[in-house]
Protein backbone atom coordinates (compact mmCIF):
# COMPACT_ATOMS: atom_id res chain seq x y z
CA MET A 1 -40.46 -70.26 -24.10
CA SER A 2 -37.69 -71.68 -23.42
CA ALA A 3 -36.33 -71.16 -19.85
CA LYS A 4 -33.28 -68.66 -19.14
CA LEU A 5 -33.11 -69.39 -15.82
CA TYR A 6 -31.72 -73.36 -15.09
CA ALA A 7 -31.64 -74.91 -11.32
CA LYS A 8 -30.79 -77.98 -9.94
CA GLY A 9 -30.73 -78.98 -6.67
CA VAL A 10 -28.57 -82.61 -5.55
CA LEU A 11 -29.13 -83.97 -2.14
CA SER A 12 -26.75 -86.44 -1.16
CA ARG A 13 -25.83 -88.47 1.86
CA HIS A 14 -22.43 -90.12 0.39
CA ARG A 15 -20.12 -91.13 3.16
CA ASN A 16 -16.74 -90.56 1.01
CA SER A 17 -16.46 -86.46 1.07
CA PHE A 18 -14.50 -87.19 -2.02
CA GLU A 19 -16.53 -89.05 -4.16
CA ALA A 20 -19.62 -87.01 -2.95
CA GLY A 21 -18.32 -84.58 -3.66
CA ARG A 22 -17.59 -85.43 -7.71
CA ASP A 23 -20.88 -87.31 -7.55
CA ALA A 24 -22.65 -84.59 -6.78
CA ALA A 25 -21.35 -82.28 -9.90
CA ARG A 26 -22.10 -85.06 -12.51
CA GLU A 27 -25.45 -84.80 -11.09
CA ILE A 28 -25.83 -81.44 -11.64
CA ARG A 29 -23.95 -81.87 -15.26
CA ALA A 30 -26.71 -83.59 -15.94
CA GLY A 31 -28.92 -82.18 -14.86
CA MET A 32 -28.64 -79.13 -16.41
CA PRO A 33 -28.41 -77.59 -20.40
CA ALA A 34 -25.39 -75.29 -19.61
CA PRO A 35 -22.87 -75.00 -17.17
CA PRO A 36 -24.17 -73.72 -14.11
CA LYS A 37 -22.48 -70.31 -12.87
CA LEU A 38 -22.92 -70.96 -9.77
CA VAL A 39 -22.83 -73.68 -6.94
CA LEU A 40 -24.25 -73.26 -2.78
CA CYS A 41 -23.16 -75.62 -1.48
CA TYR A 42 -23.58 -76.45 2.34
CA LEU A 43 -22.14 -79.12 4.29
CA THR A 44 -22.39 -81.34 7.88
CA ILE A 45 -19.24 -81.12 9.76
CA ASN A 46 -18.87 -85.70 9.36
CA HIS A 47 -17.32 -84.06 6.07
CA GLU A 48 -13.87 -83.93 5.05
CA GLN A 49 -14.85 -80.01 3.91
CA GLU A 50 -11.85 -79.40 1.72
CA GLN A 51 -12.18 -83.33 0.19
CA PHE A 52 -15.59 -82.40 -1.19
CA LEU A 53 -14.99 -79.26 -2.01
CA ALA A 54 -11.81 -80.36 -4.02
CA GLY A 55 -14.56 -83.15 -5.74
CA LEU A 56 -16.18 -80.74 -7.54
CA ARG A 57 -14.47 -78.64 -8.15
CA GLY A 58 -12.27 -81.25 -9.69
CA GLU A 59 -15.60 -81.75 -11.95
CA LEU A 60 -17.12 -78.60 -12.79
CA GLY A 61 -13.79 -77.28 -12.83
CA ALA A 62 -12.71 -74.04 -11.71
CA ASP A 63 -13.84 -71.46 -13.00
CA VAL A 64 -17.41 -72.54 -12.04
CA PRO A 65 -18.08 -69.96 -7.91
CA VAL A 66 -18.64 -72.25 -4.95
CA LEU A 67 -19.95 -70.26 -1.99
CA GLY A 68 -21.89 -72.15 1.08
CA CYS A 69 -21.42 -72.76 4.68
CA SER A 70 -21.66 -75.39 6.87
CA GLY A 71 -24.71 -76.34 8.10
CA GLN A 72 -26.16 -77.99 11.70
CA GLY A 73 -27.97 -80.30 8.90
CA VAL A 74 -29.04 -79.50 5.14
CA MET A 75 -31.98 -80.10 3.17
CA GLY A 76 -33.11 -81.10 0.21
CA ARG A 77 -35.84 -82.45 -2.03
CA GLY A 78 -38.02 -84.50 0.14
CA ALA A 79 -36.33 -84.36 3.66
CA VAL A 80 -34.21 -82.57 6.08
CA HIS A 81 -30.85 -84.54 7.15
CA GLU A 82 -29.30 -83.40 10.87
CA ASP A 83 -27.00 -86.52 11.16
CA GLY A 84 -24.27 -88.39 9.63
CA TYR A 85 -22.71 -87.40 6.59
CA ALA A 86 -25.53 -85.49 4.23
CA ALA A 87 -24.99 -81.84 1.66
CA SER A 88 -27.24 -79.81 -0.30
CA LEU A 89 -26.10 -78.45 -3.13
CA MET A 90 -28.01 -75.20 -5.49
CA ALA A 91 -26.70 -75.02 -8.92
CA LEU A 92 -28.22 -71.55 -10.90
CA GLY A 93 -27.00 -70.45 -14.54
CA GLY A 94 -29.13 -69.78 -17.83
CA PRO A 95 -29.19 -66.44 -20.06
CA ALA A 96 -30.85 -64.84 -17.10
CA LEU A 97 -28.83 -65.26 -14.66
CA GLN A 98 -26.18 -62.94 -13.39
CA VAL A 99 -23.86 -63.73 -10.67
CA GLY A 100 -21.27 -61.47 -7.90
CA ILE A 101 -19.52 -63.25 -5.55
CA ALA A 102 -17.56 -61.92 -2.60
CA ARG A 103 -15.54 -62.94 0.61
CA ALA A 104 -14.40 -61.22 4.22
CA SER A 105 -12.08 -62.70 6.37
CA GLU A 106 -12.54 -61.91 10.21
CA VAL A 107 -15.70 -60.11 9.97
CA HIS A 108 -15.55 -59.33 13.80
CA THR A 109 -12.73 -57.29 13.29
CA ASP A 110 -14.24 -53.83 11.47
CA THR A 111 -17.01 -55.31 11.05
CA ARG A 112 -18.79 -52.91 8.99
CA ALA A 113 -15.62 -51.91 6.64
CA LYS A 114 -15.98 -55.27 5.61
CA GLY A 115 -19.62 -55.08 5.47
CA GLU A 116 -19.43 -52.00 2.70
CA GLU A 117 -16.20 -53.55 1.01
CA LEU A 118 -17.54 -57.30 0.45
CA ALA A 119 -20.96 -55.56 -0.75
CA ARG A 120 -18.93 -53.09 -3.19
CA GLU A 121 -17.38 -56.32 -4.65
CA LEU A 122 -20.70 -58.44 -5.78
CA ARG A 123 -21.77 -54.59 -6.76
CA ALA A 124 -19.20 -54.35 -9.25
CA GLN A 125 -19.20 -57.51 -11.16
CA LEU A 126 -22.54 -57.02 -12.35
CA SER A 127 -24.08 -54.79 -15.17
CA ARG A 128 -27.58 -54.28 -13.15
CA PRO A 129 -28.76 -53.25 -10.16
CA PRO A 130 -29.34 -57.11 -7.62
CA GLN A 131 -32.59 -58.75 -7.12
CA VAL A 132 -31.32 -60.66 -4.07
CA THR A 133 -28.00 -61.41 -1.76
CA LEU A 134 -27.37 -64.28 -0.15
CA LEU A 135 -24.74 -64.11 2.77
CA HIS A 136 -23.45 -66.71 5.26
CA TYR A 137 -21.21 -66.19 7.96
CA ASP A 138 -19.40 -67.71 11.37
CA PRO A 139 -21.49 -66.68 14.65
CA LEU A 140 -19.13 -67.95 17.05
CA CYS A 141 -16.53 -65.69 16.11
CA GLY A 142 -17.68 -62.85 17.85
CA VAL A 143 -19.57 -60.51 14.46
CA ASP A 144 -22.40 -58.12 15.01
CA LEU A 145 -24.82 -58.57 12.50
CA ASP A 146 -26.51 -55.75 13.29
CA VAL A 147 -23.39 -54.16 11.86
CA MET A 148 -22.12 -56.29 8.77
CA LEU A 149 -25.92 -55.32 8.11
CA GLY A 150 -25.72 -52.00 8.05
CA GLY A 151 -21.78 -52.18 6.03
CA VAL A 152 -23.53 -54.75 3.79
CA SER A 153 -26.82 -52.65 3.21
CA SER A 154 -24.58 -48.91 2.56
CA ALA A 155 -23.37 -50.64 -0.44
CA ILE A 156 -26.03 -52.47 -2.41
CA GLU A 157 -29.58 -51.91 -2.58
CA SER A 158 -31.14 -55.53 -2.81
CA PRO A 159 -32.92 -57.84 0.04
CA ILE A 160 -30.28 -59.84 1.56
CA LEU A 161 -31.00 -63.06 3.25
CA GLY A 162 -29.02 -66.49 4.03
CA GLY A 163 -28.43 -67.11 7.17
CA ALA A 164 -25.39 -68.27 9.91
CA ALA A 165 -23.11 -71.35 9.21
CA ALA A 166 -23.73 -74.38 11.99
CA HIS A 167 -22.22 -78.15 13.21
CA TYR A 168 -24.85 -79.66 14.61
CA PHE A 169 -26.82 -79.09 17.74
CA ASN A 170 -24.44 -80.23 20.70
CA ALA A 171 -23.34 -79.49 23.65
CA ALA A 172 -20.21 -77.57 22.30
CA MET A 173 -19.61 -75.22 20.24
CA THR A 174 -16.99 -75.30 18.93
CA THR A 175 -16.10 -74.35 14.57
CA THR A 176 -17.94 -73.77 11.73
CA TYR A 177 -17.03 -73.29 8.30
CA GLN A 178 -17.40 -70.56 5.11
CA TYR A 179 -16.97 -71.77 1.67
CA PHE A 180 -15.40 -69.44 -1.57
CA GLY A 181 -14.39 -71.94 -4.39
CA GLY A 182 -11.58 -74.44 -2.87
CA GLU A 183 -11.20 -72.64 0.54
CA VAL A 184 -12.41 -73.51 3.24
CA PHE A 185 -11.95 -70.94 6.06
CA SER A 186 -14.02 -69.88 9.42
CA HIS A 187 -14.30 -66.14 11.09
CA GLY A 188 -15.46 -64.98 7.86
CA ALA A 189 -18.74 -64.20 5.24
CA VAL A 190 -19.22 -64.88 2.09
CA GLY A 191 -21.91 -63.66 -0.05
CA VAL A 192 -23.07 -63.64 -3.77
CA SER A 193 -26.01 -60.93 -5.57
CA LEU A 194 -27.76 -62.38 -8.04
CA ALA A 195 -29.41 -60.40 -10.65
CA GLY A 196 -31.11 -61.27 -14.70
CA ASP A 197 -34.50 -61.37 -16.01
CA PHE A 198 -35.97 -63.83 -13.11
CA THR A 199 -38.68 -63.11 -10.58
CA ALA A 200 -37.36 -63.09 -6.09
CA GLU A 201 -39.66 -63.75 -4.43
CA THR A 202 -38.44 -63.60 -0.08
CA ILE A 203 -40.77 -64.81 2.39
CA PHE A 204 -40.41 -65.88 5.97
CA ALA A 205 -42.01 -67.50 8.95
CA THR A 206 -41.94 -67.29 12.58
CA GLY A 207 -43.85 -68.97 15.57
CA CYS A 208 -43.87 -67.10 18.37
CA ALA A 209 -45.78 -64.94 20.48
CA PRO A 210 -45.03 -62.35 22.60
CA VAL A 211 -46.51 -63.10 26.45
CA GLY A 212 -46.96 -59.53 27.79
CA TYR A 213 -43.96 -59.70 30.43
CA GLN A 214 -41.04 -57.17 29.54
CA LEU A 215 -37.07 -56.83 31.19
CA ARG A 216 -34.64 -54.21 30.73
CA ALA A 217 -31.63 -55.12 29.17
CA THR A 218 -29.60 -53.00 32.12
CA ARG A 219 -26.14 -53.92 31.37
CA VAL A 220 -24.27 -54.57 28.35
CA GLU A 221 -21.54 -55.32 26.88
CA ALA A 222 -21.20 -55.89 23.17
CA ASN A 223 -23.32 -58.91 22.13
CA THR A 224 -23.70 -60.34 25.83
CA ILE A 225 -26.40 -59.23 27.76
CA LEU A 226 -24.82 -59.03 31.36
CA GLU A 227 -28.04 -57.14 33.74
CA LEU A 228 -31.70 -57.96 32.84
CA ASP A 229 -33.51 -55.69 35.23
CA GLY A 230 -30.41 -55.04 37.79
CA ARG A 231 -29.50 -58.90 38.21
CA PRO A 232 -27.25 -60.70 36.54
CA ALA A 233 -29.33 -61.79 33.21
CA LEU A 234 -28.76 -65.38 33.26
CA ASP A 235 -29.07 -66.06 36.90
CA VAL A 236 -32.78 -64.50 35.80
CA TRP A 237 -32.80 -66.34 32.23
CA LYS A 238 -32.36 -69.89 33.70
CA GLU A 239 -35.71 -68.46 36.38
CA ILE A 240 -37.49 -68.15 33.87
CA THR A 241 -36.75 -70.90 30.96
CA GLY A 242 -35.85 -73.90 33.54
CA ALA A 243 -32.17 -74.25 31.64
CA ARG A 244 -29.46 -75.88 33.32
CA GLY A 245 -25.82 -76.34 32.09
CA LYS A 246 -23.04 -74.49 30.43
CA LEU A 247 -25.68 -74.45 27.00
CA ASP A 248 -28.77 -76.03 27.39
CA ILE A 249 -30.73 -74.12 24.91
CA MET A 250 -32.76 -76.89 24.11
CA ALA A 251 -34.86 -76.35 27.86
CA SER A 252 -34.76 -72.42 26.71
CA SER A 253 -35.87 -72.46 23.27
CA SER A 254 -39.51 -72.32 23.91
CA VAL A 255 -38.95 -68.67 24.66
CA ALA A 256 -37.07 -66.01 22.48
CA ILE A 257 -36.59 -62.34 22.86
CA GLY A 258 -38.28 -59.70 21.27
CA VAL A 259 -35.71 -56.41 20.33
CA PRO A 260 -37.48 -53.88 19.44
CA VAL A 261 -36.48 -51.91 15.89
CA PRO A 262 -36.63 -48.23 16.84
CA GLY A 263 -39.49 -46.61 15.40
CA SER A 264 -41.88 -49.06 14.77
CA ASP A 265 -43.89 -52.10 16.67
CA GLU A 266 -42.30 -55.11 15.65
CA HIS A 267 -39.10 -56.32 17.34
CA LEU A 268 -36.46 -58.77 15.92
CA ILE A 269 -36.83 -62.04 17.70
CA ARG A 270 -33.49 -63.00 19.71
CA ALA A 271 -31.72 -66.24 21.11
CA ALA A 272 -29.73 -66.89 23.85
CA PHE A 273 -27.31 -68.33 21.88
CA VAL A 274 -24.51 -68.74 24.21
CA PHE A 275 -24.73 -68.69 28.25
CA ASP A 276 -21.15 -67.29 29.75
CA GLU A 277 -20.92 -68.87 32.37
CA ALA A 278 -18.15 -67.05 34.13
CA ARG A 279 -19.73 -63.41 33.78
CA ASN A 280 -23.85 -64.68 34.62
CA GLY A 281 -24.76 -63.69 31.32
CA MET A 282 -25.70 -64.86 27.85
CA MET A 283 -24.65 -63.58 24.35
CA LEU A 284 -27.04 -63.02 21.82
CA GLY A 285 -26.17 -63.18 17.69
CA ALA A 286 -26.20 -58.82 17.62
CA ALA A 287 -25.87 -56.42 19.96
CA VAL A 288 -28.52 -54.69 22.15
CA PRO A 289 -28.40 -51.22 22.50
CA GLN A 290 -28.29 -51.14 26.82
CA GLY A 291 -31.73 -49.85 28.35
CA SER A 292 -33.63 -51.76 25.69
CA MET A 293 -36.85 -53.10 27.23
CA LEU A 294 -37.21 -56.46 25.85
CA THR A 295 -39.84 -58.24 25.52
CA LEU A 296 -40.84 -62.47 25.95
CA TYR A 297 -41.83 -64.71 23.32
CA HIS A 298 -43.39 -67.29 23.67
CA ARG A 299 -43.01 -70.58 21.27
CA THR A 300 -45.04 -73.24 20.23
CA VAL A 301 -44.55 -76.71 17.89
CA GLU A 302 -48.27 -75.14 16.74
CA ASP A 303 -47.51 -71.84 15.44
CA THR A 304 -44.12 -72.87 13.80
CA LEU A 305 -45.95 -75.29 12.43
CA GLY A 306 -48.64 -72.83 11.13
CA GLY A 307 -45.91 -70.24 10.18
CA SER A 308 -45.01 -72.79 7.68
CA GLU A 309 -48.43 -73.59 6.51
CA ARG A 310 -49.52 -69.67 5.96
CA MET A 311 -46.12 -68.38 4.27
CA ALA A 312 -46.72 -72.13 2.05
CA GLY A 313 -50.32 -70.32 0.80
CA GLU A 314 -48.89 -67.02 0.56
CA LEU A 315 -45.56 -67.66 -1.40
CA SER A 316 -47.73 -69.63 -3.93
CA ARG A 317 -49.51 -66.50 -4.32
CA ARG A 318 -47.67 -65.05 -5.17
CA LEU A 319 -46.61 -67.41 -7.87
CA ALA A 320 -49.61 -68.04 -9.03
CA GLY A 321 -48.66 -67.79 -13.22
CA LYS A 322 -44.83 -68.29 -12.97
CA SER A 323 -42.52 -71.10 -13.33
CA LEU A 324 -40.90 -72.05 -10.38
CA ARG A 325 -37.07 -72.97 -11.02
CA ALA A 326 -35.29 -73.13 -7.25
CA VAL A 327 -37.02 -72.59 -3.60
CA LEU A 328 -33.35 -71.72 -0.51
CA GLY A 329 -34.03 -72.43 2.68
CA PHE A 330 -32.84 -70.80 5.30
CA GLU A 331 -34.35 -72.86 8.43
CA CYS A 332 -32.97 -71.87 11.97
CA GLY A 333 -31.50 -74.53 14.25
CA GLY A 334 -33.22 -73.74 17.13
CA ARG A 335 -36.76 -74.73 14.95
CA THR A 336 -35.62 -78.05 13.60
CA SER A 337 -34.05 -81.05 16.56
CA PRO A 338 -34.43 -79.41 19.34
CA PHE A 339 -37.78 -78.17 19.13
CA LEU A 340 -39.97 -79.72 16.26
CA GLY A 341 -38.12 -82.97 16.56
CA MET A 342 -37.21 -84.85 13.63
CA GLU A 343 -39.86 -86.23 12.50
CA ALA A 344 -42.53 -82.99 12.32
CA THR A 345 -39.43 -81.48 10.72
CA ASN A 346 -39.46 -83.92 8.01
CA GLU A 347 -43.87 -83.28 7.36
CA GLU A 348 -43.19 -79.34 7.71
CA ASN A 349 -40.36 -79.16 4.84
CA ARG A 350 -42.25 -81.78 3.03
CA VAL A 351 -45.74 -80.03 2.76
CA LEU A 352 -43.81 -76.86 2.62
CA GLN A 353 -42.31 -78.38 -1.14
CA ALA A 354 -45.57 -79.46 -1.86
CA SER A 355 -47.62 -76.67 -1.49
CA VAL A 356 -45.14 -74.43 -3.42
CA GLY A 357 -43.47 -76.55 -5.80
CA ALA A 358 -43.45 -79.62 -6.46
CA GLN A 359 -40.91 -79.63 -9.05
CA ALA A 360 -39.05 -77.11 -8.16
CA GLU A 361 -35.55 -77.38 -6.81
CA TRP A 362 -35.27 -77.52 -3.32
CA ALA A 363 -31.28 -77.18 -1.01
CA GLY A 364 -30.76 -75.60 1.92
CA VAL A 365 -29.07 -75.22 5.48
CA ILE A 366 -30.36 -75.72 8.86
CA CYS A 367 -28.40 -72.21 10.37
CA TRP A 368 -27.68 -70.34 13.84
CA GLY A 369 -29.28 -67.37 12.72
CA GLU A 370 -31.12 -66.33 10.12
CA LEU A 371 -30.93 -63.44 8.16
CA PHE A 372 -34.62 -61.69 6.27
CA PRO A 373 -35.76 -58.09 5.63
CA VAL A 374 -37.75 -56.54 8.07
CA GLY A 375 -38.98 -52.80 7.26
CA ASN A 376 -37.03 -50.69 5.11
CA GLY A 377 -33.67 -52.78 5.96
CA PRO A 378 -32.08 -55.94 6.29
CA GLY A 379 -32.72 -57.93 9.49
CA PHE A 380 -30.94 -60.61 11.51
CA HIS A 381 -33.72 -63.21 13.26
CA ASN A 382 -33.37 -66.80 15.20
CA TYR A 383 -36.77 -69.23 15.12
CA THR A 384 -37.35 -68.35 12.17
CA PHE A 385 -37.73 -69.94 8.41
CA PRO A 386 -36.75 -67.77 5.76
CA LEU A 387 -37.27 -68.89 2.28
CA LEU A 388 -35.85 -67.59 -1.62
CA ALA A 389 -38.55 -68.54 -4.56
CA LEU A 390 -36.22 -68.55 -7.75
CA ALA A 391 -39.53 -67.73 -11.12
CA GLU A 392 -39.47 -66.84 -14.17
């Protein structure tokens, strides 16, 4: 039986951005029996983002949808790169596949309404309900992801995966980028819904365990926790983690915050994303209700790698008897170089790829916030590693 879902992954280290995009497009065209219906594109910020997309679309044609974002790094077959010029792309096509694409601007304002509109645009382009929806967004514009996800999920019924745009892990968080066609912008979100006669398996790994210590968020403004147990939140966090300096995320990356899921014993794992020195607070990627009892989680290298191994085993079990075509990964930037180190990060991904599908196409991005369903709805997480596997 001939394949109805086509995929081609490309991992590039070419330094000339226009030529890198052009060559990636040529590799995609050579590796697929028909033109792609979608290209997902992830770049490090060393690249001239517009030039890469110009080279890519100039070779593929302007009618091929291109979506994606910048990343702390990228992943592909056999390697993860968080330095220099790097690009990861996944092209998808075939008679089994339907694609809906949409974008939203300035998502930190009218957030829920823009999430709803984005989802309606995605659904309107499909003749059947989607199997899965991917979402990428700017985490530095102040958007509350719980609100955004509430809007998207109210208008479209599918698992929502993906993650936040990013740039290199360093001491100055500045600008991240989102891509839609040949356009490069910030403060926005891009989404794609996939529908058709194929299997979409979603799974994620963590690496955290609760330590039995809780703190109450006694003062909160939007995404920023200002007080924990009645004291300045940043003072408390520095005492717990040993973090010093303005954005000493590396020092605090072994400690995570468990935010309770209403009506459940589960927690959403969150990171202290930015230190607000002026207000002695710490910003998260989504708001925490004032009065919430937060549970501290501890992260270890062993737990992190063990979680990836368990994920590989479970995903392999689910895919038994199916032909795996493509895997997309959205690993947290707090797991990779700052925590595991690049040698262990690459080994983690090589083992995962060998265990799940040595012949499948792989691509992905290192994110600053990950999206994966929890319970009956979508969830925003940190320190996790979601995967999407597409199979027949």
